[in-house]
């Protein structure tokens, strides 16, 4: 690439960043009134940049209003959601935000946009509920880059941080983005052309140094997201194998298990004498042949659950229990 072409790419990137920021400023001012300092902090740019954006918005004839020195707002647009729809999506977005590994400005903007779609009597209390959700001013940009790549069908390159701490360099065509039912974390599902030439799943928080590549792709017509979506305790797609686990829950927690919320859990037996509950659970296996998310979920129940089958998982469960006793079971002075 020549110096002139590099300058062109740099300028184009700057133009794209400026355009995205200007669009976001317009959206934010349509949601509620804001001052220059607030916009400066949200976008992490100099004050003069925001003032220049506001001047451009004023020239666009969008009806920029000044209610006080350096306080601005724009007329709100018609809402696309009915109130009940806005409330449902608001709840889902807020839940995801609470569990996001990186507090992203886009989550907060989405919450504010959805709040604007609620009936006036609910807007004030909803806005107060998100006042403490302060996003990081300098995020890693992973969510934005993944979104751009997925929508525009561009390959991405990134370092994937394995649990052992060794990064793996990957090049991915994104087919789907899924939220794990187990930890509510975003996972990216797509075709990895770099090493395994296969469809894989990647946890977004472990994807580092993401860059968009120039080459594009098409999602195959026979790609079925349902074959790669999350089960209750992890993301399916890393391994085609599943495991069936048999558990016995004590009477103290049986009613909580029966309340539901576990799509891959079926009730096999209810004890008449001790009122215990025997269930079977289907879970996906990771590349090492284990179901770590399921074991973590089992351990949360403490002594109120017993692993009956398979023997390998029962041995793991007992090993974890013994390790806890060995480490913490001795009386302390």
C-alpha atoms as a PDB file:
ATOM      1  CA  UNK A   1       0.000   0.000   0.000  1.00  0.00           C
ATOM      2  CA  UNK A   2       1.411   3.409  -0.994  1.00  0.00           C
ATOM      3  CA  UNK A   3       1.662   6.393   1.341  1.00  0.00           C
ATOM      4  CA  UNK A   4      -1.113   8.173  -0.548  1.00  0.00           C
ATOM      5  CA  UNK A   5      -3.422   5.172  -0.281  1.00  0.00           C
ATOM      6  CA  UNK A   6      -2.657   4.869   3.453  1.00  0.00           C
ATOM      7  CA  UNK A   7      -3.545   8.545   3.877  1.00  0.00           C
ATOM      8  CA  UNK A   8      -6.778   7.915   1.974  1.00  0.00           C
ATOM      9  CA  UNK A   9      -7.717   4.989   4.206  1.00  0.00           C
ATOM     10  CA  UNK A  10      -6.913   7.074   7.301  1.00  0.00           C
ATOM     11  CA  UNK A  11      -9.059   9.949   6.072  1.00  0.00           C
ATOM     12  CA  UNK A  12     -11.893   7.614   5.189  1.00  0.00           C
ATOM     13  CA  UNK A  13     -11.721   6.074   8.659  1.00  0.00           C
ATOM     14  CA  UNK A  14     -11.794   9.534  10.237  1.00  0.00           C
ATOM     15  CA  UNK A  15     -14.764  10.517   8.080  1.00  0.00           C
ATOM     16  CA  UNK A  16     -16.576   7.311   9.086  1.00  0.00           C
ATOM     17  CA  UNK A  17     -15.896   7.916  12.785  1.00  0.00           C
ATOM     18  CA  UNK A  18     -17.115  11.499  12.531  1.00  0.00           C
ATOM     19  CA  UNK A  19     -20.269  10.428  10.712  1.00  0.00           C
ATOM     20  CA  UNK A  20     -21.061   7.732  13.295  1.00  0.00           C
ATOM     21  CA  UNK A  21     -20.502  10.167  16.153  1.00  0.00           C
ATOM     22  CA  UNK A  22     -22.700  12.817  14.527  1.00  0.00           C
ATOM     23  CA  UNK A  23     -25.475  10.253  14.050  1.00  0.00           C
ATOM     24  CA  UNK A  24     -25.180   9.175  17.695  1.00  0.00           C
ATOM     25  CA  UNK A  25     -25.288  12.790  18.917  1.00  0.00           C
ATOM     26  CA  UNK A  26     -28.496  13.313  16.928  1.00  0.00           C
ATOM     27  CA  UNK A  27     -30.041  10.198  18.500  1.00  0.00           C
ATOM     28  CA  UNK A  28     -29.020  11.223  22.013  1.00  0.00           C
ATOM     29  CA  UNK A  29     -30.469  14.711  21.639  1.00  0.00           C
ATOM     30  CA  UNK A  30     -33.755  13.220  20.446  1.00  0.00           C
ATOM     31  CA  UNK A  31     -33.965  11.125  23.595  1.00  0.00           C
ATOM     32  CA  UNK A  32     -33.454  13.932  26.111  1.00  0.00           C
ATOM     33  CA  UNK A  33     -31.838  17.312  26.664  1.00  0.00           C
ATOM     34  CA  UNK A  34     -28.073  17.234  27.177  1.00  0.00           C
ATOM     35  CA  UNK A  35     -25.299  19.720  27.784  1.00  0.00           C
ATOM     36  CA  UNK A  36     -21.970  19.997  26.017  1.00  0.00           C
ATOM     37  CA  UNK A  37     -20.011  18.562  28.957  1.00  0.00           C
ATOM     38  CA  UNK A  38     -22.153  15.413  29.026  1.00  0.00           C
ATOM     39  CA  UNK A  39     -21.675  14.824  25.300  1.00  0.00           C
ATOM     40  CA  UNK A  40     -17.946  15.482  25.601  1.00  0.00           C
ATOM     41  CA  UNK A  41     -17.608  12.807  28.295  1.00  0.00           C
ATOM     42  CA  UNK A  42     -19.804  10.271  26.494  1.00  0.00           C
ATOM     43  CA  UNK A  43     -17.849  10.476  23.245  1.00  0.00           C
ATOM     44  CA  UNK A  44     -14.431  11.142  24.786  1.00  0.00           C
ATOM     45  CA  UNK A  45     -13.672  14.001  22.381  1.00  0.00           C
ATOM     46  CA  UNK A  46     -12.631  17.636  22.903  1.00  0.00           C
ATOM     47  CA  UNK A  47     -15.295  20.221  23.660  1.00  0.00           C
ATOM     48  CA  UNK A  48     -14.676  21.986  20.347  1.00  0.00           C
ATOM     49  CA  UNK A  49     -15.512  18.751  18.492  1.00  0.00           C
ATOM     50  CA  UNK A  50     -18.956  18.580  20.111  1.00  0.00           C
ATOM     51  CA  UNK A  51     -19.557  22.274  19.404  1.00  0.00           C
ATOM     52  CA  UNK A  52     -18.652  21.645  15.768  1.00  0.00           C
ATOM     53  CA  UNK A  53     -21.078  18.692  15.663  1.00  0.00           C
ATOM     54  CA  UNK A  54     -23.847  20.838  17.137  1.00  0.00           C
ATOM     55  CA  UNK A  55     -23.216  23.519  14.529  1.00  0.00           C
ATOM     56  CA  UNK A  56     -23.467  20.886  11.784  1.00  0.00           C
ATOM     57  CA  UNK A  57     -26.735  19.561  13.241  1.00  0.00           C
ATOM     58  CA  UNK A  58     -28.112  23.096  13.341  1.00  0.00           C
ATOM     59  CA  UNK A  59     -27.214  23.585   9.669  1.00  0.00           C
ATOM     60  CA  UNK A  60     -29.040  20.340   8.799  1.00  0.00           C
ATOM     61  CA  UNK A  61     -32.330  21.937   9.817  1.00  0.00           C
ATOM     62  CA  UNK A  62     -33.371  19.203  12.250  1.00  0.00           C
ATOM     63  CA  UNK A  63     -34.877  21.678  14.714  1.00  0.00           C
ATOM     64  CA  UNK A  64     -32.050  21.955  17.229  1.00  0.00           C
ATOM     65  CA  UNK A  65     -33.391  23.631  20.379  1.00  0.00           C
ATOM     66  CA  UNK A  66     -31.410  25.566  23.016  1.00  0.00           C
ATOM     67  CA  UNK A  67     -33.057  25.634  26.437  1.00  0.00           C
ATOM     68  CA  UNK A  68     -30.114  27.178  28.303  1.00  0.00           C
ATOM     69  CA  UNK A  69     -26.514  28.084  27.566  1.00  0.00           C
ATOM     70  CA  UNK A  70     -24.855  24.991  26.132  1.00  0.00           C
ATOM     71  CA  UNK A  71     -27.930  22.767  26.645  1.00  0.00           C
ATOM     72  CA  UNK A  72     -29.529  21.258  23.560  1.00  0.00           C
ATOM     73  CA  UNK A  73     -32.219  18.860  22.404  1.00  0.00           C
ATOM     74  CA  UNK A  74     -33.945  17.741  19.187  1.00  0.00           C
ATOM     75  CA  UNK A  75     -37.630  16.945  18.591  1.00  0.00           C
ATOM     76  CA  UNK A  76     -38.344  13.280  19.275  1.00  0.00           C
ATOM     77  CA  UNK A  77     -39.213  10.964  16.392  1.00  0.00           C
ATOM     78  CA  UNK A  78     -42.242   8.703  16.324  1.00  0.00           C
ATOM     79  CA  UNK A  79     -41.591   5.529  18.309  1.00  0.00           C
ATOM     80  CA  UNK A  80     -41.396   2.194  16.521  1.00  0.00           C
ATOM     81  CA  UNK A  81     -42.351   0.165  19.627  1.00  0.00           C
ATOM     82  CA  UNK A  82     -45.704  -0.125  21.303  1.00  0.00           C
ATOM     83  CA  UNK A  83     -45.311   0.513  25.069  1.00  0.00           C
ATOM     84  CA  UNK A  84     -45.442  -3.182  25.983  1.00  0.00           C
ATOM     85  CA  UNK A  85     -42.850  -3.992  23.301  1.00  0.00           C
ATOM     86  CA  UNK A  86     -40.545  -1.234  24.514  1.00  0.00           C
ATOM     87  CA  UNK A  87     -40.850  -2.494  28.087  1.00  0.00           C
ATOM     88  CA  UNK A  88     -39.959  -6.073  27.108  1.00  0.00           C
ATOM     89  CA  UNK A  89     -36.920  -5.028  25.065  1.00  0.00           C
ATOM     90  CA  UNK A  90     -35.889  -2.552  27.770  1.00  0.00           C
ATOM     91  CA  UNK A  91     -35.879  -5.354  30.355  1.00  0.00           C
ATOM     92  CA  UNK A  92     -33.821  -7.624  28.098  1.00  0.00           C
ATOM     93  CA  UNK A  93     -31.280  -4.899  27.297  1.00  0.00           C
ATOM     94  CA  UNK A  94     -30.953  -3.892  30.948  1.00  0.00           C
ATOM     95  CA  UNK A  95     -30.399  -7.499  31.996  1.00  0.00           C
ATOM     96  CA  UNK A  96     -27.680  -7.909  29.395  1.00  0.00           C
ATOM     97  CA  UNK A  97     -26.061  -4.622  30.423  1.00  0.00           C
ATOM     98  CA  UNK A  98     -25.799  -5.738  34.043  1.00  0.00           C
ATOM     99  CA  UNK A  99     -23.925  -8.859  32.941  1.00  0.00           C
ATOM    100  CA  UNK A 100     -21.777  -7.272  30.225  1.00  0.00           C
ATOM    101  CA  UNK A 101     -18.046  -7.710  30.773  1.00  0.00           C
ATOM    102  CA  UNK A 102     -17.441  -4.204  29.416  1.00  0.00           C
ATOM    103  CA  UNK A 103     -19.910  -1.406  30.143  1.00  0.00           C
ATOM    104  CA  UNK A 104     -20.574  -0.063  26.674  1.00  0.00           C
ATOM    105  CA  UNK A 105     -22.030   3.302  25.735  1.00  0.00           C
ATOM    106  CA  UNK A 106     -24.235   1.607  23.125  1.00  0.00           C
ATOM    107  CA  UNK A 107     -26.069  -0.332  25.857  1.00  0.00           C
ATOM    108  CA  UNK A 108     -26.864   2.889  27.687  1.00  0.00           C
ATOM    109  CA  UNK A 109     -28.005   4.599  24.490  1.00  0.00           C
ATOM    110  CA  UNK A 110     -30.288   1.654  23.683  1.00  0.00           C
ATOM    111  CA  UNK A 111     -31.805   1.804  27.177  1.00  0.00           C
ATOM    112  CA  UNK A 112     -32.476   5.519  26.836  1.00  0.00           C
ATOM    113  CA  UNK A 113     -34.045   5.080  23.392  1.00  0.00           C
ATOM    114  CA  UNK A 114     -36.324   2.341  24.688  1.00  0.00           C
ATOM    115  CA  UNK A 115     -37.246   4.411  27.735  1.00  0.00           C
ATOM    116  CA  UNK A 116     -38.388   7.171  25.387  1.00  0.00           C
ATOM    117  CA  UNK A 117     -40.884   4.696  23.916  1.00  0.00           C
ATOM    118  CA  UNK A 118     -42.639   4.075  27.250  1.00  0.00           C
ATOM    119  CA  UNK A 119     -45.754   5.947  28.392  1.00  0.00           C
ATOM    120  CA  UNK A 120     -44.894   9.382  29.876  1.00  0.00           C
ATOM    121  CA  UNK A 121     -45.860   8.233  33.373  1.00  0.00           C
ATOM    122  CA  UNK A 122     -43.112   5.589  33.310  1.00  0.00           C
ATOM    123  CA  UNK A 123     -40.334   7.508  31.594  1.00  0.00           C
ATOM    124  CA  UNK A 124     -39.160   9.460  34.654  1.00  0.00           C
ATOM    125  CA  UNK A 125     -38.801   6.434  36.925  1.00  0.00           C
ATOM    126  CA  UNK A 126     -37.095   4.449  34.170  1.00  0.00           C
ATOM    127  CA  UNK A 127     -34.602   7.255  33.573  1.00  0.00           C
ATOM    128  CA  UNK A 128     -33.818   7.385  37.275  1.00  0.00           C
ATOM    129  CA  UNK A 129     -33.181   3.639  37.194  1.00  0.00           C
ATOM    130  CA  UNK A 130     -30.354   4.011  34.671  1.00  0.00           C
ATOM    131  CA  UNK A 131     -28.624   7.003  36.220  1.00  0.00           C
ATOM    132  CA  UNK A 132     -26.124   4.716  37.932  1.00  0.00           C
ATOM    133  CA  UNK A 133     -25.305   2.825  34.741  1.00  0.00           C
ATOM    134  CA  UNK A 134     -22.201   4.800  33.836  1.00  0.00           C
ATOM    135  CA  UNK A 135     -20.426   3.251  30.855  1.00  0.00           C
ATOM    136  CA  UNK A 136     -16.683   3.105  30.430  1.00  0.00           C
ATOM    137  CA  UNK A 137     -15.543   6.110  28.438  1.00  0.00           C
ATOM    138  CA  UNK A 138     -12.775   4.130  26.758  1.00  0.00           C
ATOM    139  CA  UNK A 139     -14.188   0.758  25.801  1.00  0.00           C
ATOM    140  CA  UNK A 140     -12.330  -1.769  23.689  1.00  0.00           C
ATOM    141  CA  UNK A 141     -14.712  -1.267  20.755  1.00  0.00           C
ATOM    142  CA  UNK A 142     -15.298  -5.018  20.405  1.00  0.00           C
ATOM    143  CA  UNK A 143     -19.081  -4.765  20.269  1.00  0.00           C
ATOM    144  CA  UNK A 144     -19.013  -2.028  17.625  1.00  0.00           C
ATOM    145  CA  UNK A 145     -16.532  -3.896  15.408  1.00  0.00           C
ATOM    146  CA  UNK A 146     -18.438  -7.169  15.653  1.00  0.00           C
ATOM    147  CA  UNK A 147     -21.678  -5.353  14.808  1.00  0.00           C
ATOM    148  CA  UNK A 148     -20.120  -3.630  11.793  1.00  0.00           C
ATOM    149  CA  UNK A 149     -18.585  -6.861  10.550  1.00  0.00           C
ATOM    150  CA  UNK A 150     -21.788  -8.875  10.916  1.00  0.00           C
ATOM    151  CA  UNK A 151     -24.024  -6.298   9.252  1.00  0.00           C
ATOM    152  CA  UNK A 152     -21.583  -5.560   6.409  1.00  0.00           C
ATOM    153  CA  UNK A 153     -20.464  -9.205   6.020  1.00  0.00           C
ATOM    154  CA  UNK A 154     -16.768  -8.494   6.501  1.00  0.00           C
ATOM    155  CA  UNK A 155     -14.230 -10.893   7.940  1.00  0.00           C
ATOM    156  CA  UNK A 156     -12.614  -9.980  11.243  1.00  0.00           C
ATOM    157  CA  UNK A 157      -9.209 -10.914  12.620  1.00  0.00           C
ATOM    158  CA  UNK A 158      -8.617 -11.142  16.372  1.00  0.00           C
ATOM    159  CA  UNK A 159      -6.658 -12.804  19.150  1.00  0.00           C
ATOM    160  CA  UNK A 160      -8.760 -15.265  21.141  1.00  0.00           C
ATOM    161  CA  UNK A 161      -7.630 -15.643  24.729  1.00  0.00           C
ATOM    162  CA  UNK A 162      -7.828 -19.295  25.721  1.00  0.00           C
ATOM    163  CA  UNK A 163      -8.296 -20.239  29.417  1.00  0.00           C
ATOM    164  CA  UNK A 164      -4.581 -21.153  29.555  1.00  0.00           C
ATOM    165  CA  UNK A 165      -3.715 -17.554  28.684  1.00  0.00           C
ATOM    166  CA  UNK A 166      -2.262 -18.347  25.244  1.00  0.00           C
ATOM    167  CA  UNK A 167      -3.852 -16.257  22.461  1.00  0.00           C
ATOM    168  CA  UNK A 168      -5.005 -17.909  19.246  1.00  0.00           C
ATOM    169  CA  UNK A 169      -5.078 -15.795  16.085  1.00  0.00           C
ATOM    170  CA  UNK A 170      -8.360 -16.249  14.221  1.00  0.00           C
ATOM    171  CA  UNK A 171     -10.080 -14.926  11.103  1.00  0.00           C
ATOM    172  CA  UNK A 172     -13.847 -15.215  11.292  1.00  0.00           C
ATOM    173  CA  UNK A 173     -16.921 -14.764   9.122  1.00  0.00           C
ATOM    174  CA  UNK A 174     -19.685 -13.939  11.612  1.00  0.00           C
ATOM    175  CA  UNK A 175     -22.885 -15.900  11.044  1.00  0.00           C
ATOM    176  CA  UNK A 176     -24.719 -15.222  14.304  1.00  0.00           C
ATOM    177  CA  UNK A 177     -24.415 -13.530  17.701  1.00  0.00           C
ATOM    178  CA  UNK A 178     -25.928 -15.381  20.647  1.00  0.00           C
ATOM    179  CA  UNK A 179     -26.431 -14.591  24.323  1.00  0.00           C
ATOM    180  CA  UNK A 180     -25.599 -17.499  26.611  1.00  0.00           C
ATOM    181  CA  UNK A 181     -28.391 -18.539  28.924  1.00  0.00           C
ATOM    182  CA  UNK A 182     -25.835 -19.576  31.493  1.00  0.00           C
ATOM    183  CA  UNK A 183     -23.858 -16.357  31.998  1.00  0.00           C
ATOM    184  CA  UNK A 184     -25.773 -13.924  29.724  1.00  0.00           C
ATOM    185  CA  UNK A 185     -22.520 -13.205  27.881  1.00  0.00           C
ATOM    186  CA  UNK A 186     -22.452 -12.499  24.118  1.00  0.00           C
ATOM    187  CA  UNK A 187     -20.978 -15.250  21.934  1.00  0.00           C
ATOM    188  CA  UNK A 188     -20.000 -14.875  18.280  1.00  0.00           C
ATOM    189  CA  UNK A 189     -20.684 -17.856  16.008  1.00  0.00           C
ATOM    190  CA  UNK A 190     -19.154 -18.145  12.552  1.00  0.00           C
ATOM    191  CA  UNK A 191     -16.735 -19.788  10.146  1.00  0.00           C
ATOM    192  CA  UNK A 192     -13.112 -19.702  11.287  1.00  0.00           C
ATOM    193  CA  UNK A 193     -10.958 -19.911   8.169  1.00  0.00           C
ATOM    194  CA  UNK A 194      -7.609 -19.460   9.872  1.00  0.00           C
ATOM    195  CA  UNK A 195      -6.873 -22.730  11.678  1.00  0.00           C
ATOM    196  CA  UNK A 196      -9.727 -25.196  11.913  1.00  0.00           C
ATOM    197  CA  UNK A 197     -11.790 -24.278   8.827  1.00  0.00           C
ATOM    198  CA  UNK A 198     -14.963 -24.955  10.787  1.00  0.00           C
ATOM    199  CA  UNK A 199     -17.901 -23.227  12.442  1.00  0.00           C
ATOM    200  CA  UNK A 200     -16.892 -22.191  15.956  1.00  0.00           C
ATOM    201  CA  UNK A 201     -18.215 -20.191  18.884  1.00  0.00           C
ATOM    202  CA  UNK A 202     -16.217 -17.415  20.594  1.00  0.00           C
ATOM    203  CA  UNK A 203     -16.954 -15.559  23.806  1.00  0.00           C
ATOM    204  CA  UNK A 204     -16.911 -11.850  22.967  1.00  0.00           C
ATOM    205  CA  UNK A 205     -15.054 -10.822  26.135  1.00  0.00           C
ATOM    206  CA  UNK A 206     -12.137 -13.084  25.127  1.00  0.00           C
ATOM    207  CA  UNK A 207     -11.847 -11.596  21.621  1.00  0.00           C
ATOM    208  CA  UNK A 208      -8.998  -9.069  21.719  1.00  0.00           C
ATOM    209  CA  UNK A 209      -7.529  -6.682  19.140  1.00  0.00           C
ATOM    210  CA  UNK A 210     -10.408  -7.095  16.701  1.00  0.00           C
ATOM    211  CA  UNK A 211      -9.824  -5.627  13.245  1.00  0.00           C
ATOM    212  CA  UNK A 212     -12.119  -5.575  10.220  1.00  0.00           C
ATOM    213  CA  UNK A 213     -10.647  -7.091   7.056  1.00  0.00           C
ATOM    214  CA  UNK A 214     -11.410  -5.953   3.523  1.00  0.00           C
ATOM    215  CA  UNK A 215     -12.698  -9.260   2.165  1.00  0.00           C
ATOM    216  CA  UNK A 216     -16.378 -10.114   2.488  1.00  0.00           C
ATOM    217  CA  UNK A 217     -18.417 -13.299   2.776  1.00  0.00           C
ATOM    218  CA  UNK A 218     -21.938 -14.654   2.402  1.00  0.00           C
ATOM    219  CA  UNK A 219     -23.762 -16.643   5.063  1.00  0.00           C
ATOM    220  CA  UNK A 220     -24.536 -20.073   3.558  1.00  0.00           C
ATOM    221  CA  UNK A 221     -28.181 -20.631   2.755  1.00  0.00           C
ATOM    222  CA  UNK A 222     -28.193 -23.911   4.691  1.00  0.00           C
ATOM    223  CA  UNK A 223     -26.740 -22.400   7.883  1.00  0.00           C
ATOM    224  CA  UNK A 224     -29.214 -23.097  10.690  1.00  0.00           C
ATOM    225  CA  UNK A 225     -28.518 -21.002  13.824  1.00  0.00           C
ATOM    226  CA  UNK A 226     -30.558 -23.393  15.949  1.00  0.00           C
ATOM    227  CA  UNK A 227     -27.839 -26.023  15.608  1.00  0.00           C
ATOM    228  CA  UNK A 228     -25.322 -23.679  17.217  1.00  0.00           C
ATOM    229  CA  UNK A 229     -27.325 -21.780  19.808  1.00  0.00           C
ATOM    230  CA  UNK A 230     -26.915 -21.986  23.541  1.00  0.00           C
ATOM    231  CA  UNK A 231     -28.249 -24.719  25.684  1.00  0.00           C
ATOM    232  CA  UNK A 232     -28.973 -23.869  29.296  1.00  0.00           C
ATOM    233  CA  UNK A 233     -25.343 -24.239  30.399  1.00  0.00           C
ATOM    234  CA  UNK A 234     -23.224 -23.061  27.486  1.00  0.00           C
ATOM    235  CA  UNK A 235     -22.931 -22.510  23.771  1.00  0.00           C
ATOM    236  CA  UNK A 236     -23.447 -25.464  21.460  1.00  0.00           C
ATOM    237  CA  UNK A 237     -21.189 -25.462  18.421  1.00  0.00           C
ATOM    238  CA  UNK A 238     -17.785 -26.175  19.880  1.00  0.00           C
ATOM    239  CA  UNK A 239     -18.513 -29.904  19.842  1.00  0.00           C
ATOM    240  CA  UNK A 240     -21.316 -31.946  18.265  1.00  0.00           C
ATOM    241  CA  UNK A 241     -21.524 -34.154  21.350  1.00  0.00           C
ATOM    242  CA  UNK A 242     -23.998 -33.820  24.202  1.00  0.00           C
ATOM    243  CA  UNK A 243     -24.186 -35.466  27.587  1.00  0.00           C
ATOM    244  CA  UNK A 244     -27.238 -36.610  29.560  1.00  0.00           C
ATOM    245  CA  UNK A 245     -26.869 -36.055  33.301  1.00  0.00           C
ATOM    246  CA  UNK A 246     -29.091 -37.530  36.019  1.00  0.00           C
ATOM    247  CA  UNK A 247     -29.484 -35.504  39.216  1.00  0.00           C
ATOM    248  CA  UNK A 248     -31.370 -35.961  42.478  1.00  0.00           C
ATOM    249  CA  UNK A 249     -32.547 -32.792  44.241  1.00  0.00           C
ATOM    250  CA  UNK A 250     -33.476 -32.757  47.928  1.00  0.00           C
ATOM    251  CA  UNK A 251     -36.983 -31.809  49.003  1.00  0.00           C
ATOM    252  CA  UNK A 252     -35.732 -28.410  50.230  1.00  0.00           C
ATOM    253  CA  UNK A 253     -35.105 -27.240  46.660  1.00  0.00           C
ATOM    254  CA  UNK A 254     -37.411 -29.495  44.621  1.00  0.00           C
ATOM    255  CA  UNK A 255     -40.083 -26.827  44.290  1.00  0.00           C
ATOM    256  CA  UNK A 256     -37.545 -24.310  42.971  1.00  0.00           C
ATOM    257  CA  UNK A 257     -36.411 -26.756  40.300  1.00  0.00           C
ATOM    258  CA  UNK A 258     -40.023 -27.424  39.323  1.00  0.00           C
ATOM    259  CA  UNK A 259     -40.588 -23.709  38.794  1.00  0.00           C
ATOM    260  CA  UNK A 260     -38.897 -24.196  35.433  1.00  0.00           C
ATOM    261  CA  UNK A 261     -36.551 -22.067  33.379  1.00  0.00           C
ATOM    262  CA  UNK A 262     -34.382 -25.002  32.288  1.00  0.00           C
ATOM    263  CA  UNK A 263     -35.437 -26.025  28.735  1.00  0.00           C
ATOM    264  CA  UNK A 264     -33.200 -29.099  28.640  1.00  0.00           C
ATOM    265  CA  UNK A 265     -34.353 -30.488  31.986  1.00  0.00           C
ATOM    266  CA  UNK A 266     -36.983 -33.226  32.291  1.00  0.00           C
ATOM    267  CA  UNK A 267     -38.476 -34.658  35.478  1.00  0.00           C
ATOM    268  CA  UNK A 268     -37.980 -38.411  35.759  1.00  0.00           C
ATOM    269  CA  UNK A 269     -39.192 -39.257  39.259  1.00  0.00           C
ATOM    270  CA  UNK A 270     -40.637 -37.663  42.384  1.00  0.00           C
ATOM    271  CA  UNK A 271     -39.848 -39.515  45.593  1.00  0.00           C
ATOM    272  CA  UNK A 272     -42.844 -40.458  47.716  1.00  0.00           C
ATOM    273  CA  UNK A 273     -40.937 -41.057  50.937  1.00  0.00           C
ATOM    274  CA  UNK A 274     -38.400 -38.231  50.957  1.00  0.00           C
ATOM    275  CA  UNK A 275     -40.053 -35.916  48.381  1.00  0.00           C
ATOM    276  CA  UNK A 276     -36.815 -35.735  46.422  1.00  0.00           C
ATOM    277  CA  UNK A 277     -36.768 -35.023  42.710  1.00  0.00           C
ATOM    278  CA  UNK A 278     -34.847 -36.942  40.022  1.00  0.00           C
ATOM    279  CA  UNK A 279     -34.255 -35.121  36.738  1.00  0.00           C
ATOM    280  CA  UNK A 280     -32.300 -35.573  33.518  1.00  0.00           C
ATOM    281  CA  UNK A 281     -30.399 -32.700  31.931  1.00  0.00           C
ATOM    282  CA  UNK A 282     -28.998 -32.427  28.399  1.00  0.00           C
ATOM    283  CA  UNK A 283     -25.899 -30.261  27.983  1.00  0.00           C
ATOM    284  CA  UNK A 284     -23.313 -29.603  25.296  1.00  0.00           C
ATOM    285  CA  UNK A 285     -19.667 -30.541  25.727  1.00  0.00           C
ATOM    286  CA  UNK A 286     -16.732 -28.210  25.188  1.00  0.00           C
ATOM    287  CA  UNK A 287     -13.715 -29.211  23.042  1.00  0.00           C
ATOM    288  CA  UNK A 288     -12.161 -30.997  26.037  1.00  0.00           C
ATOM    289  CA  UNK A 289     -15.220 -33.247  26.384  1.00  0.00           C
ATOM    290  CA  UNK A 290     -16.491 -31.556  29.542  1.00  0.00           C
ATOM    291  CA  UNK A 291     -19.520 -29.473  30.478  1.00  0.00           C
ATOM    292  CA  UNK A 292     -17.976 -26.897  32.786  1.00  0.00           C
ATOM    293  CA  UNK A 293     -21.001 -24.608  32.822  1.00  0.00           C
ATOM    294  CA  UNK A 294     -23.268 -27.466  33.908  1.00  0.00           C
ATOM    295  CA  UNK A 295     -20.893 -28.500  36.696  1.00  0.00           C
ATOM    296  CA  UNK A 296     -20.769 -24.904  37.931  1.00  0.00           C
ATOM    297  CA  UNK A 297     -24.567 -24.813  37.974  1.00  0.00           C
ATOM    298  CA  UNK A 298     -24.713 -28.107  39.900  1.00  0.00           C
ATOM    299  CA  UNK A 299     -22.259 -26.849  42.511  1.00  0.00           C
ATOM    300  CA  UNK A 300     -24.476 -23.831  43.210  1.00  0.00           C
ATOM    301  CA  UNK A 301     -27.024 -26.166  44.799  1.00  0.00           C
ATOM    302  CA  UNK A 302     -24.515 -27.326  47.405  1.00  0.00           C
ATOM    303  CA  UNK A 303     -25.521 -30.429  49.337  1.00  0.00           C
ATOM    304  CA  UNK A 304     -29.100 -30.241  48.031  1.00  0.00           C
ATOM    305  CA  UNK A 305     -28.196 -32.061  44.811  1.00  0.00           C
ATOM    306  CA  UNK A 306     -26.513 -35.377  44.027  1.00  0.00           C
ATOM    307  CA  UNK A 307     -25.006 -36.350  40.665  1.00  0.00           C
ATOM    308  CA  UNK A 308     -26.174 -39.876  39.857  1.00  0.00           C
ATOM    309  CA  UNK A 309     -24.918 -40.265  36.301  1.00  0.00           C
ATOM    310  CA  UNK A 310     -22.684 -40.289  34.276  1.00  0.00           C
ATOM    311  CA  UNK A 311     -19.876 -41.667  36.439  1.00  0.00           C
ATOM    312  CA  UNK A 312     -17.300 -39.233  35.011  1.00  0.00           C
ATOM    313  CA  UNK A 313     -19.308 -36.185  36.055  1.00  0.00           C
ATOM    314  CA  UNK A 314     -20.120 -37.725  39.448  1.00  0.00           C
ATOM    315  CA  UNK A 315     -16.388 -38.179  40.031  1.00  0.00           C
ATOM    316  CA  UNK A 316     -15.732 -34.543  39.076  1.00  0.00           C
ATOM    317  CA  UNK A 317     -18.509 -33.358  41.389  1.00  0.00           C
ATOM    318  CA  UNK A 318     -17.160 -35.383  44.329  1.00  0.00           C
ATOM    319  CA  UNK A 319     -13.619 -34.188  43.610  1.00  0.00           C
ATOM    320  CA  UNK A 320     -14.769 -30.565  43.768  1.00  0.00           C
ATOM    321  CA  UNK A 321     -16.613 -31.224  47.035  1.00  0.00           C
ATOM    322  CA  UNK A 322     -13.552 -32.876  48.594  1.00  0.00           C
ATOM    323  CA  UNK A 323     -11.331 -30.012  47.430  1.00  0.00           C
ATOM    324  CA  UNK A 324     -13.619 -27.494  49.138  1.00  0.00           C
ATOM    325  CA  UNK A 325     -13.538 -29.458  52.393  1.00  0.00           C
ATOM    326  CA  UNK A 326      -9.761 -29.883  52.196  1.00  0.00           C
ATOM    327  CA  UNK A 327      -9.184 -26.189  51.621  1.00  0.00           C
ATOM    328  CA  UNK A 328     -11.816 -24.609  53.829  1.00  0.00           C
ATOM    329  CA  UNK A 329     -13.044 -27.346  56.151  1.00  0.00           C
ATOM    330  CA  UNK A 330     -10.413 -26.891  58.853  1.00  0.00           C
ATOM    331  CA  UNK A 331     -11.415 -24.629  61.779  1.00  0.00           C
ATOM    332  CA  UNK A 332      -9.730 -21.236  61.770  1.00  0.00           C
ATOM    333  CA  UNK A 333      -8.343 -19.424  64.781  1.00  0.00           C
END
